[in-house]
Structure formats: structure tokens, C-alpha cells
Amino acid sequence: MCSCWELVKILKDRGFVPKRSLGQNFLVDDNIRNFILDQADVDNRNVLEIGAGNGALTVLLVKKARKLLAFEIDKILCEHLRRIIKQDNFVLVCKDALKEDWNSYGILPAVLVSNLPYNISSPFFFKLWDEDYDVPHFVVMVQLEVAKRLVSREKSKDYGILSVLYALTHELRIVKRVSRRSFWPQPEVDSAILKGVRLNFLEKDVKKMLKVLLNIAFRYRRKKLYKAFSIEIPEVDWRGLLAEVGIDPDIRPDALSPDGWFYLAKLGLSKLKHKISEV
């Protein structure tokens, strides 16, 4: 089994240069790698890895998993992974994971494990939430600011759309902060290991309404809630509707709790569906 630095050395010896455009920052700390594996609890389970990179996690995951499906968009890294991993339970897909239907590969339900490329953090979390993939739990390393955003609650500066969405469907925890010195090349920010456990699924109509309302409101996050909605849907009495579910019309979007957003989405389905569908 190769250490993290040995895997980096293989790439360096072959003249590989990490691509900033693909968010390539490779883990070089074996202790962090082992911590991720311990948190993921992948023994004899199907595992999905997004952004396999140089294989720092992959070489350990493949030894523990029942089946490992790994996505990697970089063709040079795909060739590298095929050279160092020969196990029969390893399936490598050299495509953009954000553009693929993970269900089509027949591995779900699966534990998701990733040192997520920095450039796809937000799109990845929206895809995982929007498409309701059967991922009972995940352990993902992301930029520290992204992790803070996901676990934040109302009245916090980090609170936003993803905070609300995941609060309604998952239990999320930052389980470890990771220094930027744990990567090659060294990024400009620290990272964090985020653990998520799926708690429930929302109805499709509720999800759609929730996303529409959140996108409108957080587009104008410094305005009062009723004003934010009134800008894009002026024909609705937003003061009255918000008051109907006990929401103060004068609060700002980042002051409304996830449960408040959920009830507002339910109200929207019953009273505003024909109007909001046009937005």
C-alpha cells in the first residue's frame, strides 16, 4: 500500500503538473487519510468516490469495499489509477461525475467518500441533494468555508441555500479541521472533513418550491423577506402570506430557520404554485 507522499512522487516522476482549473490538491497526510477511512466505515459496503485523483483514498477504499465506483475527469490520472489498482471490485469512470447519473452504474446504495476537488464543491452538494441519490452517509473533505456554510444555522453569516436544504434532510457535522499543509500543492485555505447522515427525503413538489423560494430570497439576502419576494412576484401579498404561517415579514432571509422555510414551501404549494411556477 502506497503512502500519500509515494503516490504524489509517482506523479511527480512522470512530470505531472496539478491543474488549478480542476481543483487538484492531493492529500499528503497519511493520518488524515486514515481518519477519513475510519469515519466512513466502508467495510464490505458499496462505495462511491468522486474525484479519485492520485488514488490516496482509493487505494485504501478498494481493500475494504464490496465494490468501489470511482469518478475521475482527468485522463492522465485515470491512466495512473488503472496502473496502480488492479482489484476486480474497482470500477473507474473517466467522466465528469457532475454530468453523470450515478444510479446508472448499479452501485447505489453506497457510502460516498471524497477529497472533493475544490472547484466543484457547491455543484456537487446541489446535485447530491437535488437528485436524491441513495447515499445513506458520506464523508467528504471540502474547503473549510464550504463546510461551515453547510452546517450553519439561521442568523449566521454563513447561512444560505445549502444550509437550509441539508438541515431538512441530513445530520451534518464537521468532524475534523485539516491544515492546508496536508496537501500538494498547498492551497490558500484550510479544509474540513464533513460527515453527513441521511435522515429523510422530501416530496418532489416541496423540494422544487423550496428551491425556488430560497433562490429568490437569498438573491436579495440583505432585504426584508417580504420585499425580496415582492421584487420578483409583486402580485402576491407577501406580508399577509408570511404572517399566515407566523413568519415576521420584516426579517431577512438568513433569519428564517430551516423549518420556517419548509412551512413556507408547503404554503407556496397550496396557494402560490401557479404563480411561482412562472418565475
Protein backbone atom coordinates (compact mmCIF):
# COMPACT_ATOMS: atom_id res chain seq x y z
CA MET A 1 0.00 0.00 0.00
CA CYS A 2 1.43 3.36 -1.07
CA SER A 3 1.67 6.27 1.34
CA CYS A 4 0.19 9.58 0.26
CA TRP A 5 3.64 11.01 -0.49
CA GLU A 6 4.64 7.93 -2.50
CA LEU A 7 1.58 8.41 -4.70
CA VAL A 8 2.49 12.06 -5.22
CA LYS A 9 6.09 11.07 -6.06
CA ILE A 10 4.85 8.68 -8.76
CA LEU A 11 3.05 11.57 -10.43
CA LYS A 12 5.98 13.97 -10.00
CA ASP A 13 8.38 11.46 -11.52
CA ARG A 14 6.10 11.25 -14.57
CA GLY A 15 6.09 15.01 -14.92
CA PHE A 16 2.50 15.53 -13.84
CA VAL A 17 1.55 19.12 -13.00
CA PRO A 18 -1.68 19.61 -10.95
CA LYS A 19 -4.36 21.57 -12.77
CA ARG A 20 -5.75 24.53 -10.87
CA SER A 21 -8.74 24.54 -13.24
CA LEU A 22 -9.75 21.10 -11.92
CA GLY A 23 -9.19 21.97 -8.27
CA GLN A 24 -6.41 19.39 -7.92
CA ASN A 25 -4.89 19.42 -4.44
CA PHE A 26 -3.67 15.97 -3.41
CA LEU A 27 -3.66 14.71 0.17
CA VAL A 28 -0.15 14.05 1.55
CA ASP A 29 -1.00 13.32 5.20
CA ASP A 30 -1.50 9.62 5.97
CA ASN A 31 -3.06 10.41 9.35
CA ILE A 32 -5.81 12.44 7.69
CA ARG A 33 -6.33 9.69 5.14
CA ASN A 34 -6.75 7.08 7.87
CA PHE A 35 -9.12 9.36 9.78
CA ILE A 36 -11.37 9.69 6.73
CA LEU A 37 -11.46 5.92 6.28
CA ASP A 38 -12.32 5.38 9.95
CA GLN A 39 -15.17 7.90 9.75
CA ALA A 40 -16.52 6.43 6.52
CA ASP A 41 -16.99 2.87 7.87
CA VAL A 42 -16.91 1.27 4.41
CA ASP A 43 -16.18 -2.36 5.35
CA ASN A 44 -17.92 -4.69 2.87
CA ARG A 45 -20.15 -1.87 1.55
CA ASN A 46 -20.52 -0.38 -1.88
CA VAL A 47 -18.54 2.85 -2.08
CA LEU A 48 -18.78 5.83 -4.41
CA GLU A 49 -15.74 8.11 -4.72
CA ILE A 50 -15.93 11.45 -6.51
CA GLY A 51 -12.61 12.80 -7.77
CA ALA A 52 -10.29 9.83 -7.16
CA GLY A 53 -7.29 11.98 -8.08
CA ASN A 54 -3.97 10.25 -7.49
CA GLY A 55 -5.62 7.44 -5.52
CA ALA A 56 -4.71 8.48 -1.96
CA LEU A 57 -8.13 7.36 -0.68
CA THR A 58 -8.84 4.93 -3.50
CA VAL A 59 -6.01 2.50 -2.69
CA LEU A 60 -7.44 2.03 0.82
CA LEU A 61 -11.13 2.10 -0.12
CA VAL A 62 -10.73 -0.68 -2.67
CA LYS A 63 -9.31 -3.00 0.01
CA LYS A 64 -12.31 -2.53 2.29
CA ALA A 65 -15.25 -2.02 -0.06
CA ARG A 66 -17.51 -4.65 -1.56
CA LYS A 67 -17.41 -2.63 -4.77
CA LEU A 68 -15.81 0.75 -5.44
CA LEU A 69 -17.06 3.06 -8.17
CA ALA A 70 -14.69 5.98 -8.66
CA PHE A 71 -15.09 9.02 -10.91
CA GLU A 72 -12.10 10.95 -12.21
CA ILE A 73 -12.26 13.51 -15.01
CA ASP A 74 -8.50 13.85 -15.66
CA LYS A 75 -7.41 11.29 -18.27
CA ILE A 76 -3.79 11.27 -17.09
CA LEU A 77 -4.92 10.46 -13.55
CA CYS A 78 -7.25 7.77 -14.89
CA GLU A 79 -4.26 6.07 -16.56
CA HIS A 80 -2.33 6.38 -13.28
CA LEU A 81 -5.20 4.81 -11.31
CA ARG A 82 -5.51 1.90 -13.73
CA ARG A 83 -1.78 1.20 -13.32
CA ILE A 84 -1.77 1.14 -9.52
CA ILE A 85 -5.16 -0.51 -8.81
CA LYS A 86 -5.87 -3.96 -10.23
CA GLN A 87 -8.60 -5.31 -7.93
CA ASP A 88 -11.72 -6.79 -9.52
CA ASN A 89 -14.03 -4.77 -7.28
CA PHE A 90 -12.73 -1.47 -8.72
CA VAL A 91 -14.71 0.35 -11.40
CA LEU A 92 -13.22 3.59 -12.72
CA VAL A 93 -15.31 6.04 -14.73
CA CYS A 94 -13.21 8.66 -16.52
CA LYS A 95 -16.02 11.20 -16.86
CA ASP A 96 -17.37 14.30 -15.14
CA ALA A 97 -19.28 12.98 -12.12
CA LEU A 98 -21.48 16.08 -12.09
CA LYS A 99 -22.83 15.22 -15.54
CA GLU A 100 -23.45 11.54 -14.88
CA ASP A 101 -26.44 9.72 -13.39
CA TRP A 102 -24.88 7.76 -10.55
CA ASN A 103 -27.86 5.41 -10.49
CA SER A 104 -26.97 4.13 -13.94
CA TYR A 105 -23.88 2.32 -12.62
CA GLY A 106 -25.81 -0.10 -10.39
CA ILE A 107 -23.82 0.56 -7.21
CA LEU A 108 -26.28 2.54 -5.10
CA PRO A 109 -27.00 2.45 -2.19
CA ALA A 110 -23.40 3.29 -1.38
CA VAL A 111 -21.27 5.20 1.10
CA LEU A 112 -19.84 8.30 -0.56
CA VAL A 113 -16.24 9.22 0.23
CA SER A 114 -14.28 12.03 -1.36
CA ASN A 115 -11.46 14.50 -1.15
CA LEU A 116 -13.67 16.74 -3.21
CA PRO A 117 -12.00 18.89 -5.89
CA TYR A 118 -12.26 22.49 -4.72
CA ASN A 119 -13.86 23.74 -7.93
CA ILE A 120 -16.96 21.52 -7.72
CA SER A 121 -17.94 21.76 -4.04
CA SER A 122 -21.22 23.66 -4.36
CA PRO A 123 -22.40 21.96 -7.61
CA PHE A 124 -21.65 18.58 -6.03
CA PHE A 125 -23.77 19.24 -2.95
CA PHE A 126 -26.64 20.60 -5.04
CA LYS A 127 -26.53 17.50 -7.26
CA LEU A 128 -26.50 15.12 -4.29
CA TRP A 129 -29.50 16.91 -2.74
CA ASP A 130 -31.49 17.58 -5.91
CA GLU A 131 -31.29 14.07 -7.28
CA ASP A 132 -31.97 12.18 -4.02
CA TYR A 133 -29.27 9.58 -4.57
CA ASP A 134 -29.38 6.63 -2.20
CA VAL A 135 -26.33 7.59 -0.15
CA PRO A 136 -27.04 6.67 3.50
CA HIS A 137 -23.99 8.59 4.67
CA PHE A 138 -20.99 10.43 3.29
CA VAL A 139 -17.58 11.61 4.42
CA VAL A 140 -16.26 14.43 2.26
CA MET A 141 -13.30 16.75 2.59
CA VAL A 142 -14.04 20.29 1.38
CA GLN A 143 -12.80 23.85 1.88
CA LEU A 144 -13.40 24.95 5.45
CA GLU A 145 -15.69 27.79 4.35
CA VAL A 146 -17.89 25.36 2.39
CA ALA A 147 -18.18 23.05 5.40
CA LYS A 148 -19.11 25.99 7.64
CA ARG A 149 -21.77 27.05 5.15
CA LEU A 150 -23.33 23.60 5.11
CA VAL A 151 -23.57 23.23 8.90
CA SER A 152 -24.51 26.85 9.70
CA ARG A 153 -27.86 27.88 11.11
CA GLU A 154 -30.05 30.95 10.86
CA LYS A 155 -28.65 34.36 11.86
CA SER A 156 -25.17 33.26 10.86
CA LYS A 157 -23.18 34.97 8.10
CA ASP A 158 -22.52 31.54 6.55
CA TYR A 159 -26.20 30.58 6.43
CA GLY A 160 -27.51 30.14 2.90
CA ILE A 161 -29.38 27.92 0.48
CA LEU A 162 -27.31 24.77 1.07
CA SER A 163 -27.54 25.28 4.84
CA VAL A 164 -31.34 25.15 4.64
CA LEU A 165 -31.55 22.25 2.20
CA TYR A 166 -29.24 19.93 4.14
CA ALA A 167 -30.68 20.88 7.54
CA LEU A 168 -34.01 19.48 6.32
CA THR A 169 -32.67 16.15 5.06
CA HIS A 170 -29.35 15.34 6.77
CA GLU A 171 -27.48 15.41 10.03
CA LEU A 172 -24.17 17.14 9.26
CA ARG A 173 -21.06 17.53 11.39
CA ILE A 174 -17.59 18.90 10.83
CA VAL A 175 -15.54 16.07 12.31
CA LYS A 176 -12.07 17.49 11.72
CA ARG A 177 -10.36 20.64 10.51
CA VAL A 178 -7.48 19.98 8.09
CA SER A 179 -4.50 22.27 7.58
CA ARG A 180 -3.63 23.46 4.09
CA ARG A 181 -0.20 21.94 4.74
CA SER A 182 -1.77 18.50 4.34
CA PHE A 183 -1.98 18.94 0.55
CA TRP A 184 0.21 19.16 -2.52
CA PRO A 185 0.16 21.68 -4.00
CA GLN A 186 -0.70 23.67 -0.88
CA PRO A 187 -3.99 25.56 -1.32
CA GLU A 188 -4.63 29.03 0.07
CA VAL A 189 -7.29 27.85 2.53
CA ASP A 190 -7.75 25.16 5.17
CA SER A 191 -10.14 22.27 4.67
CA ALA A 192 -12.55 20.28 6.81
CA ILE A 193 -13.88 16.75 6.88
CA LEU A 194 -17.64 16.79 6.78
CA LYS A 195 -19.77 13.81 7.76
CA GLY A 196 -23.39 13.60 6.68
CA VAL A 197 -26.10 11.07 7.56
CA ARG A 198 -29.32 10.96 5.56
CA LEU A 199 -32.38 11.44 7.77
CA ASN A 200 -35.28 11.74 5.33
CA PHE A 201 -36.44 12.59 1.83
CA LEU A 202 -38.74 15.46 0.87
CA GLU A 203 -41.55 15.27 -1.66
CA LYS A 204 -40.56 16.41 -5.15
CA ASP A 205 -43.04 19.29 -5.24
CA VAL A 206 -41.86 20.55 -1.85
CA LYS A 207 -38.23 20.39 -2.97
CA LYS A 208 -38.96 22.33 -6.14
CA MET A 209 -40.93 25.02 -4.32
CA LEU A 210 -38.27 25.26 -1.61
CA LYS A 211 -35.50 25.81 -4.16
CA VAL A 212 -37.49 28.50 -5.98
CA LEU A 213 -38.24 30.41 -2.77
CA LEU A 214 -34.68 30.12 -1.47
CA ASN A 215 -33.16 31.25 -4.76
CA ILE A 216 -35.38 34.34 -4.84
CA ALA A 217 -34.86 35.27 -1.20
CA PHE A 218 -31.10 34.79 -1.00
CA ARG A 219 -30.64 36.74 -4.21
CA TYR A 220 -31.69 39.68 -2.02
CA ARG A 221 -30.42 38.42 1.32
CA ARG A 222 -29.95 41.92 2.76
CA LYS A 223 -33.55 42.93 2.11
CA LYS A 224 -36.52 42.17 4.31
CA LEU A 225 -38.14 38.88 3.40
CA TYR A 226 -41.41 40.29 2.09
CA LYS A 227 -39.51 42.82 -0.05
CA ALA A 228 -37.24 40.15 -1.52
CA PHE A 229 -40.24 38.13 -2.69
CA SER A 230 -42.14 41.21 -3.83
CA ILE A 231 -39.38 42.17 -6.24
CA GLU A 232 -39.90 39.06 -8.36
CA ILE A 233 -43.52 38.18 -7.57
CA PRO A 234 -45.15 41.59 -6.93
CA GLU A 235 -48.74 40.45 -7.44
CA VAL A 236 -48.73 38.44 -4.19
CA ASP A 237 -49.47 39.91 -0.74
CA TRP A 238 -46.29 38.63 0.85
CA ARG A 239 -46.87 40.38 4.15
CA GLY A 240 -50.14 38.55 4.59
CA LEU A 241 -48.84 35.17 3.46
CA LEU A 242 -45.80 35.27 5.70
CA ALA A 243 -47.89 36.31 8.67
CA GLU A 244 -50.25 33.40 7.95
CA VAL A 245 -47.53 30.91 8.93
CA GLY A 246 -46.21 33.04 11.77
CA ILE A 247 -43.20 34.41 9.91
CA ASP A 248 -42.22 38.02 10.54
CA PRO A 249 -42.31 39.71 7.09
CA ASP A 250 -39.60 42.14 8.16
CA ILE A 251 -36.89 39.57 8.91
CA ARG A 252 -34.13 38.95 6.41
CA PRO A 253 -33.79 35.60 4.57
CA ASP A 254 -30.89 34.49 6.75
CA ALA A 255 -33.00 34.85 9.91
CA LEU A 256 -35.60 32.23 8.92
CA SER A 257 -34.99 28.73 10.28
CA PRO A 258 -34.94 25.63 8.04
CA ASP A 259 -38.32 24.59 9.49
CA GLY A 260 -39.66 28.04 8.64
CA TRP A 261 -38.51 27.62 5.05
CA PHE A 262 -40.14 24.19 4.91
CA TYR A 263 -43.50 25.51 6.09
CA LEU A 264 -43.24 28.41 3.67
CA ALA A 265 -42.64 25.95 0.81
CA LYS A 266 -45.72 23.96 1.86
CA LEU A 267 -47.74 27.17 1.89
CA GLY A 268 -46.40 28.05 -1.52
CA LEU A 269 -47.58 24.72 -2.90
CA SER A 270 -51.12 25.28 -1.68
CA LYS A 271 -51.51 28.97 -2.57
CA LEU A 272 -48.83 30.11 -4.98
CA LYS A 273 -47.96 27.16 -7.22
CA HIS A 274 -49.43 28.71 -10.38
CA LYS A 275 -47.58 31.99 -9.78
CA ILE A 276 -44.22 30.63 -8.67
CA SER A 277 -44.01 28.08 -11.47
CA GLU A 278 -43.69 31.03 -13.85
CA VAL A 279 -40.71 32.57 -12.03
